[in-house]
Protein backbone atom coordinates (compact mmCIF):
# COMPACT_ATOMS: atom_id res chain seq x y z
CA MET A 1 -16.21 16.40 11.21
CA PRO A 2 -14.76 15.40 7.82
CA GLU A 3 -11.34 16.89 7.41
CA HIS A 4 -12.24 18.62 4.11
CA LEU A 5 -14.89 20.68 5.94
CA GLU A 6 -13.86 23.59 8.11
CA LYS A 7 -16.10 25.59 10.41
CA GLN A 8 -15.68 29.34 9.89
CA ASP A 9 -17.94 31.77 11.77
CA GLY A 10 -20.38 28.99 12.53
CA VAL A 11 -20.69 27.89 8.94
CA PHE A 12 -19.12 24.90 7.32
CA VAL A 13 -17.06 25.63 4.24
CA VAL A 14 -15.20 23.29 1.93
CA ASN A 15 -11.46 23.11 2.33
CA GLU A 16 -10.11 23.08 -1.21
CA LYS A 17 -7.16 20.82 -0.42
CA LYS A 18 -7.03 17.77 -2.59
CA VAL A 19 -6.68 14.33 -1.05
CA ILE A 20 -3.75 12.03 -1.59
CA ALA A 21 -4.60 8.49 -0.38
CA VAL A 22 -1.53 6.55 0.78
CA ILE A 23 -2.00 2.76 0.97
CA VAL A 24 0.39 1.17 3.45
CA GLU A 25 0.66 -2.31 5.05
CA GLY A 26 0.58 -1.38 8.66
CA PRO A 27 0.37 1.35 11.30
CA SER A 28 4.19 1.44 11.68
CA ASP A 29 4.40 2.46 8.01
CA GLU A 30 1.92 5.24 8.65
CA ALA A 31 3.77 6.36 11.78
CA ALA A 32 7.19 6.39 10.09
CA LEU A 33 6.09 8.07 6.82
CA GLY A 34 3.14 10.24 7.95
CA SER A 35 4.91 13.32 9.08
CA ILE A 36 7.31 13.23 6.12
CA LEU A 37 4.57 12.85 3.54
CA LYS A 38 2.37 15.51 5.25
CA GLU A 39 5.28 17.96 5.13
CA TYR A 40 6.21 17.09 1.56
CA PHE A 41 2.60 17.38 0.38
CA SER A 42 1.70 20.22 2.73
CA SER A 43 -0.77 21.78 0.24
CA GLU A 44 -2.68 18.55 0.08
CA GLU A 45 -4.53 16.44 2.63
CA ILE A 46 -2.88 13.05 3.24
CA GLN A 47 -5.18 10.17 4.14
CA PHE A 48 -3.55 6.89 5.06
CA VAL A 49 -5.26 3.59 4.15
CA VAL A 50 -3.74 0.93 6.48
CA VAL A 51 -4.27 -2.59 5.07
CA HIS A 52 -3.08 -4.49 8.18
CA GLY A 53 -1.05 -6.86 6.09
CA ASP A 54 0.16 -7.22 2.55
CA ILE A 55 -2.70 -6.95 0.04
CA THR A 56 -0.53 -8.48 -2.64
CA THR A 57 -0.13 -11.72 -0.74
CA LYS A 58 -3.67 -12.07 0.67
CA ASP A 59 -5.47 -15.26 -0.40
CA TYR A 60 -8.40 -13.22 -1.63
CA THR A 61 -6.35 -11.22 -4.13
CA SER A 62 -5.19 -12.19 -7.60
CA ALA A 63 -3.97 -10.49 -10.63
CA ASP A 64 -7.55 -10.50 -11.93
CA ASN A 65 -9.07 -8.76 -8.88
CA ILE A 66 -6.31 -6.74 -7.27
CA LEU A 67 -7.53 -3.56 -9.00
CA SER A 68 -11.03 -3.93 -7.55
CA LYS A 69 -9.48 -4.56 -4.06
CA ILE A 70 -7.54 -1.31 -4.31
CA ASN A 71 -10.71 0.48 -5.51
CA ASN A 72 -12.56 -0.96 -2.47
CA LEU A 73 -9.95 0.51 -0.13
CA ILE A 74 -10.29 3.96 -1.73
CA GLU A 75 -14.07 3.71 -1.69
CA SER A 76 -13.96 3.00 2.08
CA VAL A 77 -11.91 6.12 2.68
CA LYS A 78 -14.21 8.19 0.50
CA GLN A 79 -17.22 7.02 2.50
CA LYS A 80 -15.58 7.26 5.84
CA TYR A 81 -14.53 10.88 5.46
CA GLY A 82 -17.26 12.09 3.13
CA TYR A 83 -14.97 12.77 0.17
CA ARG A 84 -16.09 13.01 -3.33
CA ILE A 85 -14.21 11.36 -6.15
CA GLU A 86 -13.04 14.74 -7.44
CA ASP A 87 -11.52 15.43 -4.05
CA PHE A 88 -8.73 12.88 -4.77
CA LEU A 89 -5.55 14.11 -6.38
CA LYS A 90 -3.67 10.75 -6.49
CA ILE A 91 -3.28 7.35 -4.88
CA ILE A 92 0.21 6.33 -3.56
CA HIS A 93 0.64 2.67 -2.77
CA ILE A 94 3.73 1.64 -0.72
CA VAL A 95 4.61 -2.05 -0.72
CA ASP A 96 7.42 -4.18 0.66
CA MET A 97 9.19 -6.33 -1.95
CA ASP A 98 9.70 -9.17 0.57
CA GLY A 99 12.03 -10.92 -1.84
CA ALA A 100 9.10 -11.57 -4.23
CA PHE A 101 11.46 -11.44 -7.26
CA VAL A 102 14.38 -13.51 -6.01
CA ASP A 103 15.27 -16.69 -7.79
CA ASP A 104 13.83 -19.74 -6.06
CA SER A 105 17.36 -21.16 -5.67
CA VAL A 106 18.14 -18.60 -2.97
CA ILE A 107 15.18 -19.66 -0.81
CA ILE A 108 16.54 -21.86 1.94
CA GLU A 109 14.35 -23.90 4.21
CA ASP A 110 15.07 -24.00 7.94
CA GLU A 111 12.25 -25.44 10.01
CA THR A 112 13.64 -23.83 13.17
CA LYS A 113 12.74 -20.39 11.87
CA ASP A 114 9.28 -19.09 12.58
CA LYS A 115 9.45 -16.30 10.00
CA PHE A 116 11.33 -15.22 6.91
CA VAL A 117 14.88 -14.11 7.49
CA TYR A 118 16.55 -12.00 4.74
CA THR A 119 20.27 -12.03 4.22
CA LEU A 120 22.34 -10.57 1.39
CA GLU A 121 22.64 -14.01 -0.25
CA SER A 122 19.43 -15.80 0.69
CA VAL A 123 15.96 -15.87 2.16
CA ILE A 124 15.66 -18.40 4.98
CA VAL A 125 12.17 -19.62 5.53
CA PRO A 126 10.33 -22.19 7.69
CA ASN A 127 8.74 -23.76 4.60
CA ARG A 128 10.37 -23.36 1.20
CA GLN A 129 7.37 -24.39 -0.93
CA VAL A 130 5.07 -22.00 0.87
CA ALA A 131 7.59 -19.20 0.31
CA ILE A 132 7.90 -19.99 -3.42
CA GLU A 133 4.12 -20.03 -3.83
CA ARG A 134 3.80 -16.73 -1.88
CA ASN A 135 6.45 -15.10 -4.05
CA GLU A 136 4.68 -16.21 -7.23
CA HIS A 137 1.36 -14.85 -5.97
CA LYS A 138 2.94 -11.53 -4.89
CA ARG A 139 4.83 -11.20 -8.20
CA GLU A 140 1.60 -11.70 -10.21
CA ASN A 141 -0.14 -8.98 -8.21
CA LEU A 142 2.78 -6.58 -8.33
CA ASN A 143 3.13 -7.07 -12.11
CA ALA A 144 -0.58 -6.31 -12.48
CA LEU A 145 -0.12 -3.09 -10.57
CA SER A 146 3.31 -1.97 -11.76
CA SER A 147 2.28 -0.55 -15.07
CA ARG A 148 -0.93 1.01 -13.86
CA THR A 149 -1.34 4.81 -14.06
CA SER A 150 -4.76 4.60 -12.35
CA VAL A 151 -6.74 1.88 -10.65
CA MET A 152 -10.17 3.44 -10.47
CA TRP A 153 -12.75 3.88 -13.22
CA ASN A 154 -12.46 7.69 -12.89
CA ASN A 155 -8.71 7.67 -13.57
CA ILE A 156 -7.40 9.01 -10.22
CA PRO A 157 -3.64 8.79 -10.79
CA TYR A 158 -2.03 5.80 -9.08
CA LYS A 159 1.66 5.14 -8.41
CA ILE A 160 3.11 2.18 -6.61
CA TYR A 161 6.42 2.48 -4.74
CA TYR A 162 8.52 -0.34 -3.51
CA MET A 163 10.44 -0.70 -0.33
CA SER A 164 13.36 -3.12 -0.16
CA CYS A 165 12.21 -5.84 2.14
CA ASN A 166 10.26 -3.94 4.70
CA LEU A 167 10.14 -0.54 6.39
CA ASP A 168 12.90 -1.47 8.84
CA HIS A 169 15.31 -1.98 5.92
CA VAL A 170 14.44 1.40 4.39
CA LEU A 171 14.79 3.34 7.63
């Protein structure tokens, strides 16, 4: 049963809570932030949209289409739960910065590493050129989203929030 419908005395009635869609990168983000956000926004219904990765670094996203990709995520939630557009109060998008705005000079290549390692002075990566290109791609997408107050044609308020490097750093 869609969460915005409640059964009272054998009849379905509309729950008047507005929906806040929260876009996160992974299930650990939802697990860590879910109870906090649900308590903070207790008068609204929180619906997490788990991307399973970073939409700002995906090959299929660009500054030209990132808004439509976000719209598609919200449309999938709308259809999955039977929401109407007017049910949405706002869209919150939580992204990791992942060193996207660091100067290229602090990106250090170390082929023995199998993932990015963040220190206070540098980002150590298995392939420096790939990291530089990833950062540029991510920056372009974040810049396209950063000044947005809505991402959908119907002006549902949108706000992007940035975590340091990843959820582990924040917690």
